[in-house]
Amino acid sequence: MKMNAPPKSHVTERQRTKECHNLCKTAFMRLVDEAAALGWRREELALQLADLADDYVLYLASRPNERASTTNDASVLRLVYANEPEPLRSIGE
């Protein structure tokens, strides 16, 4: 599935959810596979990606009256994460 392909289904069609799922799954697995090949554990990748998804859902929920803009959303998230402290590491990591 090409990442630059627009949705085939209208926003009100049930098929659109499956289309979105397949697109995200393909991108997700590609990201995990590439990061795992660099030495990251799949478990830590899964947790970080889940945290990022949760943060993004909360961000979108905080602005219900605004239309989402991919460029603006990405810019805001870069600003949010730019000032985050380093995560705590376990002894021995």
PDB file of N, CA and C in Angstrom:
ATOM      1  N   MET A   1       0.844  -1.185   0.000  1.00  0.00           N
ATOM      2  CA  MET A   1       0.000   0.000   0.000  1.00  0.00           C
ATOM      3  C   MET A   1       0.884   1.240   0.000  1.00  0.00           C
ATOM      4  N   LYS A   2       0.600   2.165  -0.902  1.00  0.00           N
ATOM      5  CA  LYS A   2       1.378   3.387  -0.995  1.00  0.00           C
ATOM      6  C   LYS A   2       0.916   4.386   0.063  1.00  0.00           C
ATOM      7  N   MET A   3       1.870   5.022   0.747  1.00  0.00           N
ATOM      8  CA  MET A   3       1.524   6.007   1.765  1.00  0.00           C
ATOM      9  C   MET A   3       0.963   7.284   1.151  1.00  0.00           C
ATOM     10  N   ASN A   4       1.243   7.543  -0.103  1.00  0.00           N
ATOM     11  CA  ASN A   4       0.767   8.780  -0.696  1.00  0.00           C
ATOM     12  C   ASN A   4      -0.570   8.615  -1.418  1.00  0.00           C
ATOM     13  N   ALA A   5      -1.200   7.454  -1.269  1.00  0.00           N
ATOM     14  CA  ALA A   5      -2.493   7.217  -1.904  1.00  0.00           C
ATOM     15  C   ALA A   5      -3.606   7.763  -1.006  1.00  0.00           C
ATOM     16  N   PRO A   6      -4.484   8.593  -1.556  1.00  0.00           N
ATOM     17  CA  PRO A   6      -5.592   9.114  -0.747  1.00  0.00           C
ATOM     18  C   PRO A   6      -6.605   8.009  -0.458  1.00  0.00           C
ATOM     19  N   PRO A   7      -7.467   8.214   0.532  1.00  0.00           N
ATOM     20  CA  PRO A   7      -8.497   7.216   0.825  1.00  0.00           C
ATOM     21  C   PRO A   7      -9.381   6.990  -0.395  1.00  0.00           C
ATOM     22  N   LYS A   8      -9.774   5.738  -0.602  1.00  0.00           N
ATOM     23  CA  LYS A   8     -10.668   5.401  -1.715  1.00  0.00           C
ATOM     24  C   LYS A   8     -12.121   5.567  -1.299  1.00  0.00           C
ATOM     25  N   SER A   9     -12.383   5.433  -0.007  1.00  0.00           N
ATOM     26  CA  SER A   9     -13.751   5.481   0.503  1.00  0.00           C
ATOM     27  C   SER A   9     -14.065   6.861   1.074  1.00  0.00           C
ATOM     28  N   HIS A  10     -15.355   7.218   1.021  1.00  0.00           N
ATOM     29  CA  HIS A  10     -15.819   8.466   1.611  1.00  0.00           C
ATOM     30  C   HIS A  10     -15.781   8.331   3.135  1.00  0.00           C
ATOM     31  N   VAL A  11     -15.659   9.432   3.820  1.00  0.00           N
ATOM     32  CA  VAL A  11     -15.532   9.437   5.283  1.00  0.00           C
ATOM     33  C   VAL A  11     -16.711   8.742   5.976  1.00  0.00           C
ATOM     34  N   THR A  12     -17.849   8.663   5.340  1.00  0.00           N
ATOM     35  CA  THR A  12     -19.013   8.021   5.951  1.00  0.00           C
ATOM     36  C   THR A  12     -19.113   6.526   5.642  1.00  0.00           C
ATOM     37  N   GLU A  13     -18.248   5.996   4.808  1.00  0.00           N
ATOM     38  CA  GLU A  13     -18.308   4.586   4.439  1.00  0.00           C
ATOM     39  C   GLU A  13     -17.547   3.717   5.429  1.00  0.00           C
ATOM     40  N   ARG A  14     -18.087   2.520   5.714  1.00  0.00           N
ATOM     41  CA  ARG A  14     -17.451   1.586   6.644  1.00  0.00           C
ATOM     42  C   ARG A  14     -16.090   1.124   6.148  1.00  0.00           C
ATOM     43  N   GLN A  15     -15.937   0.971   4.862  1.00  0.00           N
ATOM     44  CA  GLN A  15     -14.692   0.480   4.272  1.00  0.00           C
ATOM     45  C   GLN A  15     -13.514   1.399   4.601  1.00  0.00           C
ATOM     46  N   ARG A  16     -13.782   2.674   4.839  1.00  0.00           N
ATOM     47  CA  ARG A  16     -12.717   3.644   5.112  1.00  0.00           C
ATOM     48  C   ARG A  16     -11.930   3.255   6.361  1.00  0.00           C
ATOM     49  N   THR A  17     -12.613   2.742   7.383  1.00  0.00           N
ATOM     50  CA  THR A  17     -11.930   2.320   8.609  1.00  0.00           C
ATOM     51  C   THR A  17     -10.936   1.205   8.310  1.00  0.00           C
ATOM     52  N   LYS A  18     -11.351   0.246   7.505  1.00  0.00           N
ATOM     53  CA  LYS A  18     -10.448  -0.848   7.146  1.00  0.00           C
ATOM     54  C   LYS A  18      -9.274  -0.335   6.313  1.00  0.00           C
ATOM     55  N   GLU A  19      -9.549   0.580   5.396  1.00  0.00           N
ATOM     56  CA  GLU A  19      -8.483   1.181   4.587  1.00  0.00           C
ATOM     57  C   GLU A  19      -7.447   1.862   5.484  1.00  0.00           C
ATOM     58  N   CYS A  20      -7.944   2.641   6.429  1.00  0.00           N
ATOM     59  CA  CYS A  20      -7.064   3.362   7.354  1.00  0.00           C
ATOM     60  C   CYS A  20      -6.265   2.374   8.198  1.00  0.00           C
ATOM     61  N   HIS A  21      -6.935   1.340   8.683  1.00  0.00           N
ATOM     62  CA  HIS A  21      -6.271   0.317   9.487  1.00  0.00           C
ATOM     63  C   HIS A  21      -5.125  -0.323   8.706  1.00  0.00           C
ATOM     64  N   ASN A  22      -5.396  -0.710   7.478  1.00  0.00           N
ATOM     65  CA  ASN A  22      -4.365  -1.363   6.660  1.00  0.00           C
ATOM     66  C   ASN A  22      -3.193  -0.435   6.376  1.00  0.00           C
ATOM     67  N   LEU A  23      -3.480   0.822   6.098  1.00  0.00           N
ATOM     68  CA  LEU A  23      -2.421   1.799   5.856  1.00  0.00           C
ATOM     69  C   LEU A  23      -1.555   1.970   7.105  1.00  0.00           C
ATOM     70  N   CYS A  24      -2.208   2.154   8.250  1.00  0.00           N
ATOM     71  CA  CYS A  24      -1.472   2.355   9.501  1.00  0.00           C
ATOM     72  C   CYS A  24      -0.698   1.109   9.902  1.00  0.00           C
ATOM     73  N   LYS A  25      -1.290  -0.052   9.720  1.00  0.00           N
ATOM     74  CA  LYS A  25      -0.611  -1.301  10.074  1.00  0.00           C
ATOM     75  C   LYS A  25       0.664  -1.473   9.252  1.00  0.00           C
ATOM     76  N   THR A  26       0.573  -1.201   7.958  1.00  0.00           N
ATOM     77  CA  THR A  26       1.743  -1.319   7.085  1.00  0.00           C
ATOM     78  C   THR A  26       2.849  -0.359   7.535  1.00  0.00           C
ATOM     79  N   ALA A  27       2.480   0.884   7.781  1.00  0.00           N
ATOM     80  CA  ALA A  27       3.463   1.883   8.221  1.00  0.00           C
ATOM     81  C   ALA A  27       4.030   1.535   9.596  1.00  0.00           C
ATOM     82  N   PHE A  28       3.165   1.081  10.499  1.00  0.00           N
ATOM     83  CA  PHE A  28       3.566   0.708  11.848  1.00  0.00           C
ATOM     84  C   PHE A  28       4.588  -0.433  11.819  1.00  0.00           C
ATOM     85  N   MET A  29       4.277  -1.474  11.063  1.00  0.00           N
ATOM     86  CA  MET A  29       5.181  -2.624  11.005  1.00  0.00           C
ATOM     87  C   MET A  29       6.506  -2.262  10.341  1.00  0.00           C
ATOM     88  N   ARG A  30       6.463  -1.404   9.335  1.00  0.00           N
ATOM     89  CA  ARG A  30       7.695  -0.954   8.691  1.00  0.00           C
ATOM     90  C   ARG A  30       8.565  -0.192   9.705  1.00  0.00           C
ATOM     91  N   LEU A  31       7.944   0.690  10.476  1.00  0.00           N
ATOM     92  CA  LEU A  31       8.667   1.458  11.481  1.00  0.00           C
ATOM     93  C   LEU A  31       9.268   0.540  12.550  1.00  0.00           C
ATOM     94  N   VAL A  32       8.474  -0.391  13.056  1.00  0.00           N
ATOM     95  CA  VAL A  32       8.960  -1.320  14.080  1.00  0.00           C
ATOM     96  C   VAL A  32      10.097  -2.186  13.538  1.00  0.00           C
ATOM     97  N   ASP A  33       9.923  -2.710  12.340  1.00  0.00           N
ATOM     98  CA  ASP A  33      10.972  -3.548  11.748  1.00  0.00           C
ATOM     99  C   ASP A  33      12.278  -2.777  11.558  1.00  0.00           C
ATOM    100  N   GLU A  34      12.180  -1.543  11.074  1.00  0.00           N
ATOM    101  CA  GLU A  34      13.389  -0.743  10.862  1.00  0.00           C
ATOM    102  C   GLU A  34      14.070  -0.408  12.187  1.00  0.00           C
ATOM    103  N   ALA A  35      13.297  -0.034  13.201  1.00  0.00           N
ATOM    104  CA  ALA A  35      13.878   0.302  14.504  1.00  0.00           C
ATOM    105  C   ALA A  35      14.449  -0.942  15.183  1.00  0.00           C
ATOM    106  N   ALA A  36      13.763  -2.076  15.056  1.00  0.00           N
ATOM    107  CA  ALA A  36      14.261  -3.324  15.645  1.00  0.00           C
ATOM    108  C   ALA A  36      15.577  -3.733  14.982  1.00  0.00           C
ATOM    109  N   ALA A  37      15.701  -3.493  13.700  1.00  0.00           N
ATOM    110  CA  ALA A  37      16.941  -3.814  12.996  1.00  0.00           C
ATOM    111  C   ALA A  37      18.101  -2.953  13.501  1.00  0.00           C
ATOM    112  N   LEU A  38      17.793  -1.810  14.067  1.00  0.00           N
ATOM    113  CA  LEU A  38      18.826  -0.937  14.632  1.00  0.00           C
ATOM    114  C   LEU A  38      19.180  -1.312  16.071  1.00  0.00           C
ATOM    115  N   GLY A  39      18.415  -2.254  16.640  1.00  0.00           N
ATOM    116  CA  GLY A  39      18.728  -2.718  17.989  1.00  0.00           C
ATOM    117  C   GLY A  39      17.689  -2.404  19.046  1.00  0.00           C
ATOM    118  N   TRP A  40      16.626  -1.697  18.692  1.00  0.00           N
ATOM    119  CA  TRP A  40      15.573  -1.414  19.670  1.00  0.00           C
ATOM    120  C   TRP A  40      14.725  -2.658  19.876  1.00  0.00           C
ATOM    121  N   ARG A  41      14.322  -2.892  21.130  1.00  0.00           N
ATOM    122  CA  ARG A  41      13.459  -4.030  21.434  1.00  0.00           C
ATOM    123  C   ARG A  41      12.027  -3.714  20.997  1.00  0.00           C
ATOM    124  N   ARG A  42      11.360  -4.714  20.437  1.00  0.00           N
ATOM    125  CA  ARG A  42       9.998  -4.515  19.952  1.00  0.00           C
ATOM    126  C   ARG A  42       9.045  -4.101  21.079  1.00  0.00           C
ATOM    127  N   GLU A  43       9.277  -4.610  22.287  1.00  0.00           N
ATOM    128  CA  GLU A  43       8.422  -4.256  23.425  1.00  0.00           C
ATOM    129  C   GLU A  43       8.527  -2.769  23.753  1.00  0.00           C
ATOM    130  N   GLU A  44       9.756  -2.233  23.753  1.00  0.00           N
ATOM    131  CA  GLU A  44       9.898  -0.819  24.082  1.00  0.00           C
ATOM    132  C   GLU A  44       9.350   0.055  22.952  1.00  0.00           C
ATOM    133  N   LEU A  45       9.489  -0.406  21.728  1.00  0.00           N
ATOM    134  CA  LEU A  45       8.917   0.329  20.601  1.00  0.00           C
ATOM    135  C   LEU A  45       7.396   0.360  20.702  1.00  0.00           C
ATOM    136  N   ALA A  46       6.797  -0.775  21.021  1.00  0.00           N
ATOM    137  CA  ALA A  46       5.337  -0.850  21.131  1.00  0.00           C
ATOM    138  C   ALA A  46       4.823   0.104  22.211  1.00  0.00           C
ATOM    139  N   LEU A  47       5.499   0.138  23.354  1.00  0.00           N
ATOM    140  CA  LEU A  47       5.061   1.031  24.435  1.00  0.00           C
ATOM    141  C   LEU A  47       5.195   2.494  24.043  1.00  0.00           C
ATOM    142  N   GLN A  48       6.300   2.851  23.399  1.00  0.00           N
ATOM    143  CA  GLN A  48       6.493   4.239  22.999  1.00  0.00           C
ATOM    144  C   GLN A  48       5.489   4.654  21.926  1.00  0.00           C
ATOM    145  N   LEU A  49       5.221   3.780  20.987  1.00  0.00           N
ATOM    146  CA  LEU A  49       4.250   4.097  19.943  1.00  0.00           C
ATOM    147  C   LEU A  49       2.837   4.217  20.528  1.00  0.00           C
ATOM    148  N   ALA A  50       2.520   3.374  21.506  1.00  0.00           N
ATOM    149  CA  ALA A  50       1.215   3.477  22.171  1.00  0.00           C
ATOM    150  C   ALA A  50       1.112   4.804  22.923  1.00  0.00           C
ATOM    151  N   ASP A  51       2.187   5.210  23.605  1.00  0.00           N
ATOM    152  CA  ASP A  51       2.196   6.493  24.312  1.00  0.00           C
ATOM    153  C   ASP A  51       2.011   7.652  23.337  1.00  0.00           C
ATOM    154  N   LEU A  52       2.709   7.597  22.220  1.00  0.00           N
ATOM    155  CA  LEU A  52       2.578   8.658  21.222  1.00  0.00           C
ATOM    156  C   LEU A  52       1.154   8.720  20.664  1.00  0.00           C
ATOM    157  N   ALA A  53       0.571   7.564  20.394  1.00  0.00           N
ATOM    158  CA  ALA A  53      -0.799   7.526  19.888  1.00  0.00           C
ATOM    159  C   ALA A  53      -1.762   8.109  20.922  1.00  0.00           C
ATOM    160  N   ASP A  54      -1.570   7.747  22.178  1.00  0.00           N
ATOM    161  CA  ASP A  54      -2.420   8.267  23.255  1.00  0.00           C
ATOM    162  C   ASP A  54      -2.281   9.783  23.354  1.00  0.00           C
ATOM    163  N   ASP A  55      -1.048  10.268  23.322  1.00  0.00           N
ATOM    164  CA  ASP A  55      -0.816  11.717  23.380  1.00  0.00           C
ATOM    165  C   ASP A  55      -1.503  12.431  22.216  1.00  0.00           C
ATOM    166  N   TYR A  56      -1.454  11.823  21.050  1.00  0.00           N
ATOM    167  CA  TYR A  56      -2.055  12.445  19.879  1.00  0.00           C
ATOM    168  C   TYR A  56      -3.581  12.469  19.987  1.00  0.00           C
ATOM    169  N   VAL A  57      -4.165  11.411  20.504  1.00  0.00           N
ATOM    170  CA  VAL A  57      -5.614  11.379  20.705  1.00  0.00           C
ATOM    171  C   VAL A  57      -6.019  12.465  21.702  1.00  0.00           C
ATOM    172  N   LEU A  58      -5.275  12.606  22.785  1.00  0.00           N
ATOM    173  CA  LEU A  58      -5.571  13.649  23.775  1.00  0.00           C
ATOM    174  C   LEU A  58      -5.423  15.034  23.168  1.00  0.00           C
ATOM    175  N   TYR A  59      -4.398  15.217  22.355  1.00  0.00           N
ATOM    176  CA  TYR A  59      -4.197  16.496  21.680  1.00  0.00           C
ATOM    177  C   TYR A  59      -5.391  16.815  20.771  1.00  0.00           C
ATOM    178  N   LEU A  60      -5.824  15.850  19.974  1.00  0.00           N
ATOM    179  CA  LEU A  60      -6.966  16.078  19.089  1.00  0.00           C
ATOM    180  C   LEU A  60      -8.236  16.355  19.885  1.00  0.00           C
ATOM    181  N   ALA A  61      -8.407  15.659  21.003  1.00  0.00           N
ATOM    182  CA  ALA A  61      -9.589  15.857  21.845  1.00  0.00           C
ATOM    183  C   ALA A  61      -9.603  17.247  22.480  1.00  0.00           C
ATOM    184  N   SER A  62      -8.442  17.833  22.643  1.00  0.00           N
ATOM    185  CA  SER A  62      -8.352  19.149  23.282  1.00  0.00           C
ATOM    186  C   SER A  62      -8.755  20.274  22.340  1.00  0.00           C
ATOM    187  N   ARG A  63      -8.969  19.969  21.081  1.00  0.00           N
ATOM    188  CA  ARG A  63      -9.328  21.007  20.107  1.00  0.00           C
ATOM    189  C   ARG A  63     -10.490  20.548  19.231  1.00  0.00           C
ATOM    190  N   PRO A  64     -11.648  20.293  19.855  1.00  0.00           N
ATOM    191  CA  PRO A  64     -12.782  19.718  19.129  1.00  0.00           C
ATOM    192  C   PRO A  64     -13.373  20.617  18.046  1.00  0.00           C
ATOM    193  N   ASN A  65     -13.202  21.915  18.155  1.00  0.00           N
ATOM    194  CA  ASN A  65     -13.823  22.819  17.189  1.00  0.00           C
ATOM    195  C   ASN A  65     -12.907  23.189  16.032  1.00  0.00           C
ATOM    196  N   GLU A  66     -11.703  22.665  16.029  1.00  0.00           N
ATOM    197  CA  GLU A  66     -10.762  22.977  14.956  1.00  0.00           C
ATOM    198  C   GLU A  66     -10.684  21.823  13.973  1.00  0.00           C
ATOM    199  N   ARG A  67     -10.505  22.138  12.732  1.00  0.00           N
ATOM    200  CA  ARG A  67     -10.317  21.102  11.713  1.00  0.00           C
ATOM    201  C   ARG A  67      -8.860  20.672  11.771  1.00  0.00           C
ATOM    202  N   ALA A  68      -8.626  19.377  11.797  1.00  0.00           N
ATOM    203  CA  ALA A  68      -7.261  18.854  11.878  1.00  0.00           C
ATOM    204  C   ALA A  68      -6.489  19.195  10.617  1.00  0.00           C
ATOM    205  N   SER A  69      -5.246  19.577  10.815  1.00  0.00           N
ATOM    206  CA  SER A  69      -4.342  19.860   9.703  1.00  0.00           C
ATOM    207  C   SER A  69      -3.074  19.078   9.934  1.00  0.00           C
ATOM    208  N   THR A  70      -2.716  18.225   9.012  1.00  0.00           N
ATOM    209  CA  THR A  70      -1.554  17.359   9.177  1.00  0.00           C
ATOM    210  C   THR A  70      -0.300  18.163   9.479  1.00  0.00           C
ATOM    211  N   THR A  71      -0.074  19.213   8.742  1.00  0.00           N
ATOM    212  CA  THR A  71       1.134  20.019   8.933  1.00  0.00           C
ATOM    213  C   THR A  71       1.134  20.669  10.306  1.00  0.00           C
ATOM    214  N   ASN A  72       0.020  21.284  10.694  1.00  0.00           N
ATOM    215  CA  ASN A  72      -0.047  21.943  11.992  1.00  0.00           C
ATOM    216  C   ASN A  72       0.059  20.950  13.132  1.00  0.00           C
ATOM    217  N   ASP A  73      -0.607  19.804  13.021  1.00  0.00           N
ATOM    218  CA  ASP A  73      -0.546  18.795  14.065  1.00  0.00           C
ATOM    219  C   ASP A  73       0.887  18.331  14.280  1.00  0.00           C
ATOM    220  N   ALA A  74       1.596  18.053  13.208  1.00  0.00           N
ATOM    221  CA  ALA A  74       2.974  17.591  13.312  1.00  0.00           C
ATOM    222  C   ALA A  74       3.845  18.666  13.957  1.00  0.00           C
ATOM    223  N   SER A  75       3.627  19.910  13.597  1.00  0.00           N
ATOM    224  CA  SER A  75       4.416  21.007  14.166  1.00  0.00           C
ATOM    225  C   SER A  75       4.175  21.148  15.660  1.00  0.00           C
ATOM    226  N   VAL A  76       2.917  21.049  16.063  1.00  0.00           N
ATOM    227  CA  VAL A  76       2.580  21.164  17.484  1.00  0.00           C
ATOM    228  C   VAL A  76       3.212  20.019  18.264  1.00  0.00           C
ATOM    229  N   LEU A  77       3.112  18.801  17.751  1.00  0.00           N
ATOM    230  CA  LEU A  77       3.681  17.658  18.464  1.00  0.00           C
ATOM    231  C   LEU A  77       5.195  17.772  18.575  1.00  0.00           C
ATOM    232  N   ARG A  78       5.850  18.305  17.560  1.00  0.00           N
ATOM    233  CA  ARG A  78       7.306  18.503  17.660  1.00  0.00           C
ATOM    234  C   ARG A  78       7.620  19.458  18.797  1.00  0.00           C
ATOM    235  N   LEU A  79       6.815  20.504  18.949  1.00  0.00           N
ATOM    236  CA  LEU A  79       7.033  21.455  20.043  1.00  0.00           C
ATOM    237  C   LEU A  79       6.764  20.807  21.394  1.00  0.00           C
ATOM    238  N   VAL A  80       5.703  20.015  21.486  1.00  0.00           N
ATOM    239  CA  VAL A  80       5.358  19.347  22.745  1.00  0.00           C
ATOM    240  C   VAL A  80       6.497  18.437  23.184  1.00  0.00           C
ATOM    241  N   TYR A  81       7.010  17.621  22.264  1.00  0.00           N
ATOM    242  CA  TYR A  81       8.025  16.637  22.620  1.00  0.00           C
ATOM    243  C   TYR A  81       9.427  17.228  22.701  1.00  0.00           C
ATOM    244  N   ALA A  82       9.636  18.415  22.176  1.00  0.00           N
ATOM    245  CA  ALA A  82      10.965  19.028  22.209  1.00  0.00           C
ATOM    246  C   ALA A  82      11.387  19.338  23.644  1.00  0.00           C
ATOM    247  N   ASN A  83      10.429  19.621  24.517  1.00  0.00           N
ATOM    248  CA  ASN A  83      10.750  20.011  25.891  1.00  0.00           C
ATOM    249  C   ASN A  83      10.505  18.911  26.910  1.00  0.00           C
ATOM    250  N   GLU A  84      10.252  17.690  26.444  1.00  0.00           N
ATOM    251  CA  GLU A  84      10.024  16.591  27.380  1.00  0.00           C
ATOM    252  C   GLU A  84      11.338  16.136  28.003  1.00  0.00           C
ATOM    253  N   PRO A  85      11.306  15.796  29.287  1.00  0.00           N
ATOM    254  CA  PRO A  85      12.520  15.272  29.922  1.00  0.00           C
ATOM    255  C   PRO A  85      12.842  13.882  29.396  1.00  0.00           C
ATOM    256  N   GLU A  86      14.085  13.506  29.547  1.00  0.00           N
ATOM    257  CA  GLU A  86      14.506  12.155  29.157  1.00  0.00           C
ATOM    258  C   GLU A  86      13.771  11.146  30.041  1.00  0.00           C
ATOM    259  N   PRO A  87      13.352  10.026  29.478  1.00  0.00           N
ATOM    260  CA  PRO A  87      12.674   9.009  30.306  1.00  0.00           C
ATOM    261  C   PRO A  87      13.632   8.396  31.319  1.00  0.00           C
ATOM    262  N   LEU A  88      13.063   7.944  32.426  1.00  0.00           N
ATOM    263  CA  LEU A  88      13.876   7.257  33.429  1.00  0.00           C
ATOM    264  C   LEU A  88      14.344   5.931  32.869  1.00  0.00           C
ATOM    265  N   ARG A  89      15.543   5.557  33.166  1.00  0.00           N
ATOM    266  CA  ARG A  89      16.087   4.304  32.673  1.00  0.00           C
ATOM    267  C   ARG A  89      16.274   3.352  33.847  1.00  0.00           C
ATOM    268  N   SER A  90      16.064   2.082  33.580  1.00  0.00           N
ATOM    269  CA  SER A  90      16.291   1.064  34.599  1.00  0.00           C
ATOM    270  C   SER A  90      17.782   0.912  34.837  1.00  0.00           C
ATOM    271  N   ILE A  91      18.133   0.452  36.010  1.00  0.00           N
ATOM    272  CA  ILE A  91      19.540   0.175  36.301  1.00  0.00           C
ATOM    273  C   ILE A  91      20.013  -0.910  35.343  1.00  0.00           C
ATOM    274  N   GLY A  92      21.151  -0.689  34.736  1.00  0.00           N
ATOM    275  CA  GLY A  92      21.704  -1.656  33.807  1.00  0.00           C
ATOM    276  C   GLY A  92      21.390  -1.368  32.351  1.00  0.00           C
ATOM    277  N   GLU A  93      20.574  -0.335  32.079  1.00  0.00           N
ATOM    278  CA  GLU A  93      20.285  -0.009  30.675  1.00  0.00           C
ATOM    279  C   GLU A  93      21.312   0.965  30.163  1.00  0.00           C
TER     280      GLU A  93
END
